[in-house]
């Protein structure tokens, strides 16, 4: 089928785009990375920051995804899309912000 042919080797992606990799990444030893078993959420944020994949945005609750992080996200998203399509399901998008009035109806 169309999606099966298109989805082969979807996780192989190029990182050769100029400037897509961190220029001078700090080593894990020089960064303060929270142990995963201590605080998983903070560990994840520390890893993303150490890999220079994203940074905080001036807009509260938002992040700026750098090219290196976006390349990984695109590969993961493509793989998940292929797996979803292979089951016969259809994608759907939902609003990012749901009004409190909608939640209180539930």
N, C-alpha and C. Protein backbone atom coordinates (compact mmCIF):
# COMPACT_ATOMS: atom_id res chain seq x y z
N UNK A 1 0.83 -1.19 0.00
CA UNK A 1 0.00 0.00 0.00
C UNK A 1 0.87 1.25 0.00
N UNK A 2 0.24 2.38 -0.23
CA UNK A 2 0.96 3.64 -0.34
C UNK A 2 1.79 3.96 0.90
N UNK A 3 1.17 3.87 2.08
CA UNK A 3 1.86 4.25 3.31
C UNK A 3 2.97 3.28 3.66
N UNK A 4 2.76 1.99 3.40
CA UNK A 4 3.80 1.01 3.69
C UNK A 4 5.05 1.28 2.87
N UNK A 5 4.87 1.61 1.60
CA UNK A 5 6.02 1.90 0.75
C UNK A 5 6.71 3.19 1.17
N UNK A 6 5.93 4.17 1.56
CA UNK A 6 6.48 5.47 1.94
C UNK A 6 7.17 5.42 3.30
N UNK A 7 6.78 4.50 4.15
CA UNK A 7 7.23 4.51 5.54
C UNK A 7 8.48 3.67 5.80
N UNK A 8 9.02 3.02 4.83
CA UNK A 8 10.22 2.22 5.07
C UNK A 8 11.38 3.13 5.44
N UNK A 9 12.11 2.74 6.47
CA UNK A 9 13.28 3.48 6.93
C UNK A 9 12.98 4.92 7.28
N UNK A 10 11.86 5.16 7.91
CA UNK A 10 11.47 6.54 8.19
C UNK A 10 12.31 7.18 9.28
N UNK A 11 12.95 6.38 10.12
CA UNK A 11 13.72 6.98 11.20
C UNK A 11 15.13 7.37 10.80
N UNK A 12 15.52 7.09 9.59
CA UNK A 12 16.82 7.57 9.15
C UNK A 12 16.62 8.97 8.57
N UNK A 13 17.30 9.94 9.15
CA UNK A 13 17.16 11.32 8.70
C UNK A 13 18.51 11.98 8.69
N UNK A 14 18.60 13.00 7.90
CA UNK A 14 19.86 13.70 7.75
C UNK A 14 19.99 14.82 8.77
N UNK A 15 21.16 14.93 9.34
CA UNK A 15 21.44 16.05 10.24
C UNK A 15 22.53 16.93 9.62
N UNK A 16 22.66 16.86 8.30
CA UNK A 16 23.72 17.59 7.64
C UNK A 16 23.38 19.05 7.35
N UNK A 17 22.16 19.47 7.67
CA UNK A 17 21.80 20.86 7.44
C UNK A 17 22.73 21.76 8.24
N UNK A 18 23.27 22.77 7.58
CA UNK A 18 24.22 23.67 8.22
C UNK A 18 23.61 24.28 9.48
N UNK A 19 24.30 24.16 10.58
CA UNK A 19 23.84 24.74 11.83
C UNK A 19 22.81 23.90 12.57
N UNK A 20 22.51 22.70 12.09
CA UNK A 20 21.47 21.92 12.75
C UNK A 20 21.96 21.22 14.01
N UNK A 21 23.25 20.92 14.09
CA UNK A 21 23.79 20.31 15.29
C UNK A 21 24.33 21.41 16.20
N UNK A 22 24.34 21.15 17.51
CA UNK A 22 24.92 22.15 18.41
C UNK A 22 26.37 22.42 18.02
N UNK A 23 26.75 23.68 17.99
CA UNK A 23 28.09 24.05 17.58
C UNK A 23 29.16 23.63 18.59
N UNK A 24 28.94 23.94 19.85
CA UNK A 24 29.88 23.58 20.90
C UNK A 24 29.12 23.01 22.09
N UNK A 25 28.63 21.77 21.97
CA UNK A 25 27.83 21.23 23.06
C UNK A 25 28.67 21.02 24.31
N UNK A 26 28.07 21.34 25.45
CA UNK A 26 28.73 21.08 26.71
C UNK A 26 28.68 19.59 27.00
N UNK A 27 29.66 19.11 27.72
CA UNK A 27 29.63 17.70 28.09
C UNK A 27 28.67 17.51 29.25
N UNK A 28 28.13 16.30 29.37
CA UNK A 28 27.18 16.00 30.45
C UNK A 28 27.81 16.22 31.81
N UNK A 29 29.13 16.01 31.91
CA UNK A 29 29.80 16.18 33.19
C UNK A 29 29.77 17.64 33.66
N UNK A 30 29.79 18.58 32.71
CA UNK A 30 29.84 19.99 33.09
C UNK A 30 28.44 20.58 33.30
N UNK A 31 27.40 19.83 32.95
CA UNK A 31 26.04 20.30 33.12
C UNK A 31 25.41 19.65 34.35
N UNK A 32 24.46 20.32 34.91
CA UNK A 32 23.73 19.77 36.04
C UNK A 32 22.51 19.03 35.51
N UNK A 33 22.60 17.73 35.38
CA UNK A 33 21.49 16.92 34.90
C UNK A 33 20.91 16.13 36.07
N UNK A 34 19.65 16.38 36.33
CA UNK A 34 18.95 15.71 37.42
C UNK A 34 18.88 14.22 37.15
N UNK A 35 19.14 13.37 38.15
CA UNK A 35 19.00 11.93 37.94
C UNK A 35 17.57 11.58 37.54
N UNK A 36 17.43 10.70 36.58
CA UNK A 36 16.12 10.33 36.06
C UNK A 36 15.22 9.74 37.14
N UNK A 37 15.78 8.92 38.01
CA UNK A 37 14.95 8.30 39.06
C UNK A 37 14.56 9.27 40.17
N UNK A 38 15.20 10.43 40.21
CA UNK A 38 14.86 11.45 41.22
C UNK A 38 13.68 12.31 40.76
N UNK A 39 13.74 12.81 39.52
CA UNK A 39 12.69 13.68 38.98
C UNK A 39 12.71 13.54 37.46
N UNK A 40 11.83 12.66 36.97
CA UNK A 40 11.83 12.34 35.54
C UNK A 40 11.57 13.57 34.68
N UNK A 41 10.62 14.37 35.06
CA UNK A 41 10.27 15.56 34.29
C UNK A 41 11.46 16.52 34.17
N UNK A 42 12.14 16.77 35.29
CA UNK A 42 13.29 17.67 35.25
C UNK A 42 14.45 17.04 34.48
N UNK A 43 14.64 15.73 34.63
CA UNK A 43 15.68 15.03 33.88
C UNK A 43 15.48 15.24 32.38
N UNK A 44 14.22 15.07 31.92
CA UNK A 44 13.90 15.24 30.50
C UNK A 44 14.24 16.66 30.04
N UNK A 45 13.83 17.65 30.80
CA UNK A 45 14.13 19.04 30.46
C UNK A 45 15.63 19.31 30.44
N UNK A 46 16.35 18.73 31.39
CA UNK A 46 17.81 18.89 31.44
C UNK A 46 18.48 18.28 30.21
N UNK A 47 18.01 17.12 29.77
CA UNK A 47 18.58 16.45 28.60
C UNK A 47 18.32 17.27 27.33
N UNK A 48 17.10 17.78 27.21
CA UNK A 48 16.77 18.61 26.05
C UNK A 48 17.66 19.86 26.01
N UNK A 49 17.86 20.48 27.18
CA UNK A 49 18.72 21.67 27.25
C UNK A 49 20.17 21.31 26.95
N UNK A 50 20.67 20.20 27.51
CA UNK A 50 22.06 19.81 27.29
C UNK A 50 22.33 19.48 25.83
N UNK A 51 21.35 18.90 25.16
CA UNK A 51 21.50 18.56 23.74
C UNK A 51 21.24 19.77 22.84
N UNK A 52 20.87 20.88 23.44
CA UNK A 52 20.58 22.11 22.71
C UNK A 52 19.52 21.88 21.63
N UNK A 53 18.49 21.09 21.98
CA UNK A 53 17.41 20.78 21.06
C UNK A 53 16.30 21.81 21.11
N UNK A 54 16.11 22.44 22.26
CA UNK A 54 15.05 23.43 22.42
C UNK A 54 15.45 24.37 23.55
N UNK A 55 14.76 25.50 23.60
CA UNK A 55 15.00 26.46 24.67
C UNK A 55 13.67 27.10 25.05
N UNK A 56 13.63 27.70 26.21
CA UNK A 56 12.41 28.37 26.65
C UNK A 56 12.12 29.57 25.79
N UNK A 57 10.84 29.82 25.61
CA UNK A 57 10.36 30.96 24.83
C UNK A 57 9.95 32.07 25.79
N UNK A 58 9.94 33.31 25.32
CA UNK A 58 9.43 34.38 26.16
C UNK A 58 7.93 34.22 26.44
N UNK A 59 7.24 33.40 25.64
CA UNK A 59 5.82 33.14 25.85
C UNK A 59 5.69 32.01 26.87
N UNK A 60 5.01 32.27 27.96
CA UNK A 60 4.88 31.29 29.04
C UNK A 60 4.29 29.97 28.52
N UNK A 61 4.94 28.87 28.86
CA UNK A 61 4.47 27.55 28.47
C UNK A 61 4.88 27.10 27.08
N UNK A 62 5.65 27.89 26.38
CA UNK A 62 6.07 27.54 25.01
C UNK A 62 7.59 27.37 24.95
N UNK A 63 8.03 26.60 23.97
CA UNK A 63 9.45 26.39 23.77
C UNK A 63 9.80 26.67 22.31
N UNK A 64 11.03 27.04 22.08
CA UNK A 64 11.55 27.21 20.73
C UNK A 64 12.32 25.94 20.40
N UNK A 65 11.87 25.24 19.38
CA UNK A 65 12.54 23.99 18.98
C UNK A 65 13.58 24.35 17.93
N UNK A 66 14.82 24.03 18.21
CA UNK A 66 15.92 24.32 17.29
C UNK A 66 15.93 23.31 16.15
N UNK A 67 16.66 23.61 15.06
CA UNK A 67 16.67 22.70 13.90
C UNK A 67 17.04 21.25 14.25
N UNK A 68 17.99 21.06 15.13
CA UNK A 68 18.42 19.72 15.52
C UNK A 68 17.26 18.98 16.19
N UNK A 69 16.56 19.64 17.10
CA UNK A 69 15.40 19.03 17.76
C UNK A 69 14.25 18.82 16.79
N UNK A 70 14.06 19.75 15.86
CA UNK A 70 12.98 19.63 14.89
C UNK A 70 13.20 18.45 13.96
N UNK A 71 14.44 18.19 13.59
CA UNK A 71 14.75 17.04 12.72
C UNK A 71 14.37 15.74 13.41
N UNK A 72 14.66 15.65 14.70
CA UNK A 72 14.30 14.45 15.45
C UNK A 72 12.78 14.35 15.56
N UNK A 73 12.11 15.46 15.89
CA UNK A 73 10.65 15.46 16.00
C UNK A 73 10.01 15.06 14.68
N UNK A 74 10.51 15.57 13.54
CA UNK A 74 9.95 15.22 12.24
C UNK A 74 10.07 13.71 11.98
N UNK A 75 11.21 13.12 12.33
CA UNK A 75 11.41 11.69 12.12
C UNK A 75 10.47 10.87 13.01
N UNK A 76 10.33 11.25 14.26
CA UNK A 76 9.44 10.53 15.18
C UNK A 76 7.99 10.68 14.71
N UNK A 77 7.60 11.89 14.33
CA UNK A 77 6.23 12.14 13.88
C UNK A 77 5.92 11.33 12.63
N UNK A 78 6.86 11.27 11.70
CA UNK A 78 6.65 10.50 10.48
C UNK A 78 6.48 9.02 10.79
N UNK A 79 7.30 8.50 11.68
CA UNK A 79 7.20 7.08 12.05
C UNK A 79 5.86 6.80 12.72
N UNK A 80 5.45 7.65 13.66
CA UNK A 80 4.16 7.45 14.32
C UNK A 80 3.01 7.55 13.32
N UNK A 81 3.09 8.50 12.40
CA UNK A 81 2.05 8.65 11.38
C UNK A 81 1.93 7.38 10.55
N UNK A 82 3.04 6.80 10.17
CA UNK A 82 3.01 5.57 9.39
C UNK A 82 2.37 4.43 10.17
N UNK A 83 2.71 4.33 11.44
CA UNK A 83 2.14 3.27 12.27
C UNK A 83 0.64 3.46 12.46
N UNK A 84 0.21 4.70 12.62
CA UNK A 84 -1.22 4.99 12.77
C UNK A 84 -1.95 4.64 11.48
N UNK A 85 -1.42 5.07 10.35
CA UNK A 85 -2.05 4.80 9.05
C UNK A 85 -2.09 3.30 8.76
N UNK A 86 -1.08 2.56 9.19
CA UNK A 86 -1.03 1.12 8.95
C UNK A 86 -2.16 0.37 9.64
N UNK A 87 -2.70 0.95 10.71
CA UNK A 87 -3.81 0.30 11.42
C UNK A 87 -5.15 0.65 10.81
N UNK A 88 -5.16 1.57 9.84
CA UNK A 88 -6.40 1.99 9.21
C UNK A 88 -7.04 3.19 9.90
N UNK A 89 -6.42 3.68 10.95
CA UNK A 89 -6.95 4.85 11.66
C UNK A 89 -6.64 6.12 10.88
N UNK A 90 -7.37 7.17 11.21
CA UNK A 90 -7.15 8.46 10.58
C UNK A 90 -6.64 9.44 11.62
N UNK A 91 -5.78 10.34 11.20
CA UNK A 91 -5.27 11.36 12.09
C UNK A 91 -6.35 12.39 12.39
N UNK A 92 -6.23 13.00 13.55
CA UNK A 92 -7.12 14.10 13.92
C UNK A 92 -6.30 15.10 14.72
N UNK A 93 -6.64 16.35 14.61
CA UNK A 93 -5.97 17.40 15.38
C UNK A 93 -6.97 18.00 16.35
N UNK A 94 -6.49 18.33 17.51
CA UNK A 94 -7.33 18.91 18.55
C UNK A 94 -6.75 20.28 18.92
N UNK A 95 -7.59 21.15 19.43
CA UNK A 95 -7.09 22.48 19.79
C UNK A 95 -6.03 22.40 20.88
N UNK A 96 -5.06 23.28 20.77
CA UNK A 96 -3.99 23.32 21.76
C UNK A 96 -4.51 23.82 23.11
N UNK A 97 -5.36 24.82 23.05
CA UNK A 97 -5.92 25.38 24.27
C UNK A 97 -7.41 25.08 24.31
N UNK A 98 -7.84 24.43 25.37
CA UNK A 98 -9.24 24.08 25.52
C UNK A 98 -9.84 25.00 26.58
N UNK A 99 -10.90 25.71 26.24
CA UNK A 99 -11.52 26.62 27.23
C UNK A 99 -12.01 25.85 28.47
N UNK A 100 -11.86 26.46 29.62
CA UNK A 100 -12.29 25.86 30.87
C UNK A 100 -13.77 25.49 30.82
N UNK A 101 -14.58 26.27 30.12
CA UNK A 101 -16.01 25.99 30.03
C UNK A 101 -16.26 24.64 29.36
N UNK A 102 -15.39 24.22 28.41
CA UNK A 102 -15.55 22.92 27.76
C UNK A 102 -15.23 21.80 28.75
N UNK A 103 -14.21 22.00 29.58
CA UNK A 103 -13.81 20.99 30.55
C UNK A 103 -14.88 20.83 31.62
N UNK A 104 -15.46 21.93 32.06
CA UNK A 104 -16.46 21.85 33.12
C UNK A 104 -17.74 21.17 32.65
N UNK A 105 -17.98 21.08 31.33
CA UNK A 105 -19.14 20.36 30.81
C UNK A 105 -18.99 18.86 31.04
N UNK A 106 -17.78 18.38 31.04
CA UNK A 106 -17.53 16.96 31.24
C UNK A 106 -17.77 16.61 32.66
